[in-house]
Amino acid sequence: VYQIKMNTNWKYDDLLKGKLELYVAQCLKRTEIVELMKKEFGNYPWSLSTLTRRFNHFGIRYTDTEVPVESVREAVSTELRGPGRLLGYRAMHKKLRVVHGLKVPRSLVHDVMFLEESQLLKDRRPCQKKKRVKGHFVSNGPNWVHSFDGHDKLMGYQNSTFPLAVYGCIDTASRKILWLKIWTSNSDPKLVGKWYLQHIIETKRISNMVRLDKGTETGDLAAIHCFLRSRCDENLEDPSSVIHYGPSTSNQIERWWKELHERLEKFFKGQLLFLKCGGHYDPSCEQDRMILAYIMIPILQAELNTFKDVIWNCHRIRYQKDQVLPDGVPNHIYTVPEVHDLVECGFDVSDQDIQSLIDESGITPEDADYLDDDFRHLCEQYLPNLELVKPHECQEAYIYLKREIENGSF
């Protein structure tokens, strides 16, 4: 009689435990977690029953009934002081689970939000919003088309009042936001090309096609994609055929910018207008612009990353009548497209091809700086621990730093 030796190494796999805790915090279904585990931890057998046993072994639960209500109120209160006040209770529930580690029922989050700021929930009721007819996007699967665009809502009048420009990329099939960057400008082709190159180096993968608007800032990005697609596909006769140009208004990511503005940027826009209207900030003063960039860009980048990873890419897209693209969680659709009747359409990129691109284009992946070294050093003398500044403290931090620099105590 032969005894089957079971692989019990999973019991000591901290990476596995961390992934399971993350997916539970993101409220993924058990079937979705099993599909992801088969891809990410294929060295272990997976089924719904094995997943349940591993949950029990690691002590992982979807809901923790022992979390004090006061802890939830404190976390909600903290979020409501920042850009979290623009979120609905579903998105707030997601943020509390992932960021604050509070695995509480969604109904409890709703009740606490209603107690703290009842008017915010009333303003978000469907009857308060006007609806418009939506367009339809068709895609074969993840990495079939990546849509790129810049976003200038934070920059103000004529895109010149505040040095806060956003650029990003969305996968049109899964609706997963792949990357977001904020800088003093999003119209420099070298800079946009650098961000695209950084994403390629990180993922070692490119899409079949890209969707761009015909602006000067997309020149290097388009050249990078054409170069790598020609290296990945020897049968591609015309590399330019994989670049699709069109107006931003018909670009899929354009609709997403409204989502970002309504649920995040409006909070910071209020602080920016306070500084300008209060006479603390002069758009024509280069020093004021650099001080604002020093404070706001790192804070906004962190909030953009949180919104992308915690709020958007983990939210569940509901089924809609006549919707061509699948419903589900963007992260899950992107990772296991076959479950949603889609196919993976991207191309692997080798390190050799990336190095050839860098050598021929002169575009390097190293981060640039939006401030000159001397001014950054000056700011760091007065306000060194910028990571301690909370989102709702940006305007106070700006006023303090400007006053200290003008007084010149150093």
Protein backbone atom coordinates (compact mmCIF):
# COMPACT_ATOMS: atom_id res chain seq x y z
CA VAL A 1 0.00 0.00 0.00
CA TYR A 2 1.42 3.34 -1.06
CA GLN A 3 0.78 6.44 0.98
CA ILE A 4 0.34 9.72 -0.88
CA LYS A 5 2.65 12.34 0.59
CA MET A 6 0.83 15.65 0.86
CA ASN A 7 2.62 18.92 0.18
CA THR A 8 2.33 20.81 3.48
CA ASN A 9 4.83 23.55 2.64
CA TRP A 10 1.93 25.97 2.19
CA LYS A 11 1.52 26.08 5.97
CA TYR A 12 4.80 27.98 6.25
CA ASP A 13 4.40 30.15 3.15
CA ASP A 14 4.08 33.73 4.42
CA LEU A 15 3.69 35.09 0.88
CA LEU A 16 0.70 32.78 0.32
CA LYS A 17 -0.87 33.88 3.60
CA GLY A 18 -0.40 37.54 2.70
CA LYS A 19 -2.02 37.08 -0.72
CA LEU A 20 -5.01 35.25 0.76
CA GLU A 21 -5.49 37.99 3.36
CA LEU A 22 -5.28 40.66 0.64
CA TYR A 23 -7.85 38.99 -1.62
CA VAL A 24 -10.24 38.47 1.30
CA ALA A 25 -9.80 42.12 2.28
CA GLN A 26 -10.68 43.04 -1.32
CA CYS A 27 -13.91 40.99 -0.99
CA LEU A 28 -13.14 38.68 -3.91
CA LYS A 29 -15.38 35.64 -4.17
CA ARG A 30 -13.92 32.27 -3.16
CA THR A 31 -14.11 31.01 -6.74
CA GLU A 32 -12.20 34.09 -7.92
CA ILE A 33 -9.53 33.56 -5.26
CA VAL A 34 -9.09 29.92 -6.32
CA GLU A 35 -8.59 30.99 -9.94
CA LEU A 36 -5.97 33.56 -8.92
CA MET A 37 -4.19 31.09 -6.63
CA LYS A 38 -3.92 28.53 -9.42
CA LYS A 39 -2.00 31.10 -11.44
CA GLU A 40 0.11 32.61 -8.68
CA PHE A 41 0.73 29.53 -6.51
CA GLY A 42 0.42 26.66 -8.98
CA ASN A 43 2.86 24.56 -6.94
CA TYR A 44 0.03 23.83 -4.50
CA PRO A 45 -3.24 22.02 -5.31
CA TRP A 46 -6.32 24.25 -5.28
CA SER A 47 -10.06 23.77 -4.92
CA LEU A 48 -12.80 25.41 -2.90
CA SER A 49 -12.36 22.85 -0.12
CA THR A 50 -8.56 23.31 0.05
CA LEU A 51 -9.08 27.08 0.09
CA THR A 52 -11.44 26.72 3.06
CA ARG A 53 -8.93 24.55 4.93
CA ARG A 54 -6.17 27.07 4.32
CA PHE A 55 -8.40 29.92 5.46
CA ASN A 56 -9.04 27.98 8.67
CA HIS A 57 -5.34 27.20 9.16
CA PHE A 58 -4.29 30.85 8.78
CA GLY A 59 -7.30 32.14 10.72
CA ILE A 60 -8.56 34.20 7.79
CA ARG A 61 -12.18 35.37 7.87
CA TYR A 62 -14.17 37.59 5.54
CA THR A 63 -15.81 39.34 8.48
CA ASP A 64 -14.39 40.04 11.92
CA THR A 65 -17.31 40.46 14.33
CA GLU A 66 -15.03 41.47 17.19
CA VAL A 67 -13.92 44.81 15.70
CA PRO A 68 -15.11 47.57 18.07
CA VAL A 69 -17.54 50.04 16.54
CA GLU A 70 -15.37 52.83 17.93
CA SER A 71 -12.46 51.61 15.76
CA VAL A 72 -14.70 51.82 12.70
CA ARG A 73 -15.89 55.32 13.66
CA GLU A 74 -12.30 56.45 14.16
CA ALA A 75 -11.22 55.08 10.76
CA VAL A 76 -14.25 56.56 8.98
CA SER A 77 -13.69 59.90 10.70
CA THR A 78 -10.06 59.88 9.55
CA GLU A 79 -11.08 59.17 5.95
CA LEU A 80 -13.80 61.83 5.99
CA ARG A 81 -11.18 64.44 6.88
CA GLY A 82 -9.38 63.60 3.63
CA PRO A 83 -10.41 62.71 0.07
CA GLY A 84 -12.37 59.77 1.47
CA ARG A 85 -15.29 62.18 2.00
CA LEU A 86 -15.92 61.92 -1.75
CA LEU A 87 -16.38 58.12 -1.59
CA GLY A 88 -19.65 56.26 -1.26
CA TYR A 89 -20.12 53.68 1.48
CA ARG A 90 -19.16 50.78 -0.82
CA ALA A 91 -15.81 52.32 -1.71
CA MET A 92 -15.31 53.39 1.91
CA HIS A 93 -15.96 49.80 3.00
CA LYS A 94 -13.28 48.60 0.59
CA LYS A 95 -10.78 51.19 1.83
CA LEU A 96 -11.39 50.32 5.48
CA ARG A 97 -10.79 46.63 4.78
CA VAL A 98 -7.59 47.07 2.75
CA VAL A 99 -5.98 50.22 4.18
CA HIS A 100 -7.14 50.06 7.80
CA GLY A 101 -7.41 46.27 8.11
CA LEU A 102 -10.98 46.42 9.44
CA LYS A 103 -12.93 43.47 8.05
CA VAL A 104 -16.37 44.69 9.06
CA PRO A 105 -19.75 44.33 7.33
CA ARG A 106 -20.61 46.90 4.68
CA SER A 107 -23.85 47.72 6.49
CA LEU A 108 -21.86 48.82 9.54
CA VAL A 109 -19.75 51.16 7.41
CA HIS A 110 -22.95 52.64 5.95
CA ASP A 111 -24.43 53.20 9.40
CA VAL A 112 -21.26 54.81 10.74
CA MET A 113 -20.97 57.08 7.70
CA PHE A 114 -24.61 58.07 8.12
CA LEU A 115 -23.95 59.01 11.74
CA GLU A 116 -20.80 60.96 10.87
CA GLU A 117 -21.87 62.70 7.64
CA SER A 118 -25.44 61.83 6.66
CA GLN A 119 -25.62 64.58 4.02
CA LEU A 120 -22.74 63.05 2.04
CA LEU A 121 -24.69 59.82 1.53
CA LYS A 122 -27.88 61.68 0.66
CA ASP A 123 -26.06 63.68 -2.02
CA ARG A 124 -24.86 60.45 -3.66
CA ARG A 125 -28.33 58.92 -4.10
CA PRO A 126 -29.02 57.86 -7.71
CA CYS A 127 -32.00 60.22 -7.94
CA GLN A 128 -29.66 63.16 -7.35
CA LYS A 129 -27.57 62.49 -10.44
CA LYS A 130 -28.34 62.95 -14.11
CA LYS A 131 -27.53 60.02 -16.35
CA ARG A 132 -26.29 60.13 -19.91
CA VAL A 133 -26.16 57.52 -22.64
CA LYS A 134 -22.98 55.48 -22.44
CA GLY A 135 -20.85 54.32 -25.35
CA HIS A 136 -19.81 50.72 -25.90
CA PHE A 137 -16.24 49.45 -26.10
CA VAL A 138 -15.34 46.11 -27.64
CA SER A 139 -12.11 44.29 -26.81
CA ASN A 140 -10.80 40.76 -27.32
CA GLY A 141 -9.25 40.60 -23.87
CA PRO A 142 -6.64 42.05 -21.51
CA ASN A 143 -3.73 43.80 -23.24
CA TRP A 144 -5.60 44.01 -26.54
CA VAL A 145 -5.81 47.80 -26.35
CA HIS A 146 -4.30 50.13 -23.77
CA SER A 147 -5.80 53.60 -23.65
CA PHE A 148 -3.58 56.58 -22.67
CA ASP A 149 -4.52 60.15 -21.85
CA GLY A 150 -3.60 63.19 -19.79
CA HIS A 151 -5.82 64.82 -17.20
CA ASP A 152 -5.63 68.54 -16.42
CA LYS A 153 -8.53 69.20 -14.03
CA LEU A 154 -6.21 70.06 -11.14
CA MET A 155 -4.22 72.54 -13.24
CA GLY A 156 -6.98 75.13 -13.30
CA TYR A 157 -7.56 77.94 -15.80
CA GLN A 158 -5.84 77.35 -19.17
CA ASN A 159 -4.00 74.41 -17.58
CA SER A 160 -1.53 76.84 -16.02
CA THR A 161 -2.75 77.85 -12.56
CA PHE A 162 -1.40 74.88 -10.58
CA PRO A 163 1.57 72.66 -11.57
CA LEU A 164 -0.37 69.42 -11.04
CA ALA A 165 -0.84 67.33 -14.20
CA VAL A 166 -1.91 63.67 -14.30
CA TYR A 167 -1.26 61.03 -16.97
CA GLY A 168 -2.49 57.45 -16.98
CA CYS A 169 -3.23 54.21 -18.80
CA ILE A 170 -6.22 51.84 -18.68
CA ASP A 171 -6.68 48.33 -20.07
CA THR A 172 -9.87 48.60 -22.12
CA ALA A 173 -11.05 45.00 -21.63
CA SER A 174 -10.73 44.66 -17.86
CA ARG A 175 -11.01 48.40 -17.14
CA LYS A 176 -8.00 47.99 -14.87
CA ILE A 177 -5.98 51.17 -14.36
CA LEU A 178 -2.41 50.12 -15.10
CA TRP A 179 -0.59 53.25 -13.97
CA LEU A 180 -1.12 56.85 -12.92
CA LYS A 181 1.50 59.58 -12.67
CA ILE A 182 1.28 63.16 -11.43
CA TRP A 183 3.92 65.75 -12.34
CA THR A 184 4.29 69.45 -12.97
CA SER A 185 3.51 68.76 -16.64
CA ASN A 186 2.04 65.96 -18.75
CA SER A 187 2.85 67.48 -22.15
CA ASP A 188 6.54 66.52 -22.37
CA PRO A 189 6.92 63.55 -24.79
CA LYS A 190 10.18 62.44 -23.12
CA LEU A 191 8.47 62.31 -19.74
CA VAL A 192 5.40 60.41 -20.99
CA GLY A 193 7.70 58.01 -22.85
CA LYS A 194 9.71 57.48 -19.65
CA TRP A 195 6.58 56.55 -17.70
CA TYR A 196 5.56 54.06 -20.37
CA LEU A 197 9.06 52.57 -20.38
CA GLN A 198 8.96 52.19 -16.58
CA HIS A 199 5.69 50.27 -16.84
CA ILE A 200 7.12 47.97 -19.52
CA ILE A 201 10.23 47.25 -17.45
CA GLU A 202 8.04 46.42 -14.46
CA THR A 203 5.61 44.12 -16.30
CA LYS A 204 7.78 42.86 -19.21
CA ARG A 205 4.64 43.03 -21.35
CA ILE A 206 3.02 45.30 -23.92
CA SER A 207 -0.46 45.47 -25.40
CA ASN A 208 -1.38 44.56 -28.96
CA MET A 209 -2.45 48.14 -29.72
CA VAL A 210 -2.50 51.52 -28.01
CA ARG A 211 -5.15 54.24 -28.18
CA LEU A 212 -3.87 57.85 -28.07
CA ASP A 213 -4.98 61.35 -28.85
CA LYS A 214 -2.93 63.22 -31.46
CA GLY A 215 -0.88 65.42 -29.19
CA THR A 216 2.83 66.19 -29.13
CA GLU A 217 3.17 64.40 -25.77
CA THR A 218 2.41 60.97 -27.29
CA GLY A 219 5.20 60.95 -29.89
CA ASP A 220 7.81 59.03 -27.89
CA LEU A 221 5.18 56.71 -26.41
CA ALA A 222 3.99 55.73 -29.90
CA ALA A 223 7.58 55.23 -31.09
CA ILE A 224 8.35 52.98 -28.11
CA HIS A 225 5.30 50.84 -28.78
CA CYS A 226 6.00 50.53 -32.52
CA PHE A 227 9.61 49.53 -31.85
CA LEU A 228 8.76 46.82 -29.30
CA ARG A 229 5.77 45.47 -31.23
CA SER A 230 7.94 44.99 -34.31
CA ARG A 231 10.42 43.05 -32.14
CA CYS A 232 7.69 40.89 -30.59
CA ASP A 233 5.86 40.05 -33.82
CA GLU A 234 7.94 39.31 -36.90
CA ASN A 235 4.78 39.10 -39.03
CA LEU A 236 3.85 42.70 -38.31
CA GLU A 237 4.33 44.47 -41.63
CA ASP A 238 3.41 48.00 -40.58
CA PRO A 239 4.23 48.84 -36.93
CA SER A 240 2.27 52.08 -37.17
CA SER A 241 -0.93 50.05 -37.65
CA VAL A 242 -0.96 49.24 -33.92
CA ILE A 243 -1.26 52.94 -33.01
CA HIS A 244 -4.85 54.20 -33.02
CA TYR A 245 -5.36 57.95 -32.83
CA GLY A 246 -8.56 59.72 -31.93
CA PRO A 247 -9.97 62.57 -29.84
CA SER A 248 -9.81 62.31 -26.06
CA THR A 249 -13.60 62.51 -25.85
CA SER A 250 -13.91 59.05 -27.45
CA ASN A 251 -11.02 57.57 -25.47
CA GLN A 252 -12.12 55.08 -22.79
CA ILE A 253 -9.91 56.53 -20.07
CA GLU A 254 -11.53 59.94 -20.64
CA ARG A 255 -14.70 58.72 -18.89
CA TRP A 256 -12.62 57.42 -16.00
CA TRP A 257 -11.12 60.86 -15.36
CA LYS A 258 -14.58 62.03 -14.29
CA GLU A 259 -14.67 59.18 -11.77
CA LEU A 260 -11.29 60.26 -10.39
CA HIS A 261 -12.26 63.92 -10.22
CA GLU A 262 -15.58 63.29 -8.46
CA ARG A 263 -14.19 60.82 -5.92
CA LEU A 264 -10.71 62.19 -5.17
CA GLU A 265 -9.56 65.39 -6.83
CA LYS A 266 -12.41 67.63 -5.68
CA PHE A 267 -11.08 67.36 -2.14
CA PHE A 268 -7.69 68.75 -3.12
CA LYS A 269 -9.23 71.30 -5.51
CA GLY A 270 -10.87 72.95 -2.52
CA GLN A 271 -7.52 73.43 -0.79
CA LEU A 272 -5.91 74.77 -3.96
CA LEU A 273 -8.64 77.36 -4.44
CA PHE A 274 -8.33 78.37 -0.78
CA LEU A 275 -4.62 79.08 -1.25
CA LYS A 276 -5.18 81.05 -4.46
CA CYS A 277 -8.22 83.05 -3.40
CA GLY A 278 -6.70 83.73 0.02
CA GLY A 279 -3.65 85.36 -1.53
CA HIS A 280 -1.26 82.67 -0.30
CA TYR A 281 -0.48 81.36 -3.79
CA ASP A 282 0.46 83.36 -6.88
CA PRO A 283 0.30 81.31 -10.13
CA SER A 284 2.81 83.66 -11.78
CA CYS A 285 5.41 83.24 -9.00
CA GLU A 286 7.82 80.40 -9.79
CA GLN A 287 8.77 79.97 -6.14
CA ASP A 288 5.11 79.53 -5.12
CA ARG A 289 4.66 76.96 -7.87
CA MET A 290 7.71 74.98 -6.74
CA ILE A 291 6.61 75.04 -3.09
CA LEU A 292 3.18 73.75 -4.10
CA ALA A 293 4.74 71.00 -6.22
CA TYR A 294 7.07 69.95 -3.38
CA ILE A 295 4.13 69.44 -1.02
CA MET A 296 1.28 68.33 -3.26
CA ILE A 297 2.83 65.96 -5.81
CA PRO A 298 4.04 63.25 -3.35
CA ILE A 299 0.76 63.39 -1.40
CA LEU A 300 -1.37 63.26 -4.54
CA GLN A 301 0.72 60.42 -6.01
CA ALA A 302 0.15 58.35 -2.86
CA GLU A 303 -3.59 59.05 -2.97
CA LEU A 304 -3.74 58.23 -6.69
CA ASN A 305 -2.02 54.89 -6.04
CA THR A 306 -4.47 54.09 -3.24
CA PHE A 307 -7.47 55.02 -5.37
CA LYS A 308 -6.13 52.90 -8.24
CA ASP A 309 -5.18 49.81 -6.22
CA VAL A 310 -7.72 49.81 -3.39
CA ILE A 311 -10.82 51.57 -4.72
CA TRP A 312 -10.97 51.10 -8.49
CA ASN A 313 -9.06 47.96 -9.48
CA CYS A 314 -10.73 45.97 -6.67
CA HIS A 315 -14.30 47.21 -7.09
CA ARG A 316 -16.91 44.99 -8.72
CA ILE A 317 -18.27 46.22 -12.05
CA ARG A 318 -21.96 45.37 -12.11
CA TYR A 319 -23.71 43.61 -14.96
CA GLN A 320 -25.37 46.03 -17.36
CA LYS A 321 -27.87 45.27 -20.06
CA ASP A 322 -26.36 45.40 -23.56
CA GLN A 323 -22.88 45.74 -22.03
CA VAL A 324 -20.34 44.04 -24.31
CA LEU A 325 -17.45 43.91 -21.84
CA PRO A 326 -17.68 41.49 -18.86
CA ASP A 327 -18.78 42.38 -15.36
CA GLY A 328 -16.54 41.56 -12.41
CA VAL A 329 -13.46 42.86 -10.61
CA PRO A 330 -10.90 44.59 -12.90
CA ASN A 331 -7.93 42.86 -11.24
CA HIS A 332 -9.60 39.47 -11.64
CA ILE A 333 -10.67 40.04 -15.25
CA TYR A 334 -7.15 41.16 -16.13
CA THR A 335 -5.41 38.21 -14.41
CA VAL A 336 -7.72 35.32 -15.40
CA PRO A 337 -9.46 36.46 -18.62
CA GLU A 338 -10.41 32.93 -19.67
CA VAL A 339 -12.96 32.79 -16.84
CA HIS A 340 -14.73 35.76 -18.45
CA ASP A 341 -14.62 34.32 -22.00
CA LEU A 342 -11.72 36.59 -22.95
CA VAL A 343 -8.19 35.81 -24.10
CA GLU A 344 -4.84 37.29 -23.12
CA CYS A 345 -3.71 39.43 -26.05
CA GLY A 346 -0.41 40.93 -24.91
CA PHE A 347 3.19 40.25 -25.92
CA ASP A 348 6.15 39.40 -23.71
CA VAL A 349 9.09 41.81 -23.95
CA SER A 350 12.65 40.63 -23.40
CA ASP A 351 15.31 42.50 -21.43
CA GLN A 352 17.41 42.55 -24.59
CA ASP A 353 14.69 44.37 -26.56
CA ILE A 354 14.21 46.86 -23.72
CA GLN A 355 17.94 47.59 -23.64
CA SER A 356 17.99 48.02 -27.43
CA LEU A 357 15.12 50.49 -27.09
CA ILE A 358 16.98 52.48 -24.43
CA ASP A 359 20.18 52.54 -26.49
CA GLU A 360 18.46 53.69 -29.69
CA SER A 361 15.93 56.15 -28.23
CA GLY A 362 17.97 57.70 -25.46
CA ILE A 363 14.96 57.43 -23.13
CA THR A 364 15.98 56.05 -19.74
CA PRO A 365 13.73 54.67 -16.97
CA GLU A 366 15.42 56.62 -14.15
CA ASP A 367 13.10 59.03 -12.33
CA ALA A 368 13.59 62.71 -13.08
CA ASP A 369 12.84 65.46 -10.57
CA TYR A 370 10.31 68.23 -11.00
CA LEU A 371 12.41 70.49 -8.70
CA ASP A 372 16.02 71.54 -9.01
CA ASP A 373 18.38 70.09 -6.40
CA ASP A 374 19.03 73.36 -4.54
CA PHE A 375 15.36 74.19 -4.07
CA ARG A 376 14.49 70.65 -2.97
CA HIS A 377 17.30 70.79 -0.42
CA LEU A 378 15.96 74.13 0.85
CA CYS A 379 12.44 72.72 1.26
CA GLU A 380 13.74 69.64 3.05
CA GLN A 381 15.49 71.84 5.62
CA TYR A 382 12.17 73.34 6.72
CA LEU A 383 9.82 70.41 6.04
CA PRO A 384 11.88 67.18 5.89
CA ASN A 385 9.25 64.57 6.82
CA LEU A 386 6.75 65.19 4.06
CA GLU A 387 5.27 61.70 4.46
CA LEU A 388 3.84 62.82 7.82
CA VAL A 389 1.68 65.51 6.18
CA LYS A 390 -1.92 64.29 5.90
CA PRO A 391 -4.05 65.08 2.82
CA HIS A 392 -6.21 67.53 4.79
CA GLU A 393 -3.09 69.38 6.00
CA CYS A 394 -1.74 70.37 2.57
CA GLN A 395 -2.79 74.01 2.71
CA GLU A 396 -1.34 74.49 6.21
CA ALA A 397 1.91 72.82 5.13
CA TYR A 398 2.15 75.12 2.11
CA ILE A 399 1.56 78.28 4.16
CA TYR A 400 4.12 77.17 6.75
CA LEU A 401 6.80 76.28 4.20
CA LYS A 402 6.30 79.48 2.21
CA ARG A 403 6.58 81.60 5.37
CA GLU A 404 9.76 79.84 6.52
CA ILE A 405 11.44 80.17 3.12
CA GLU A 406 10.56 83.86 2.87
CA ASN A 407 11.84 84.49 6.40
CA GLY A 408 15.03 82.66 5.47
CA SER A 409 16.05 81.37 8.90
CA PHE A 410 18.50 78.90 7.32
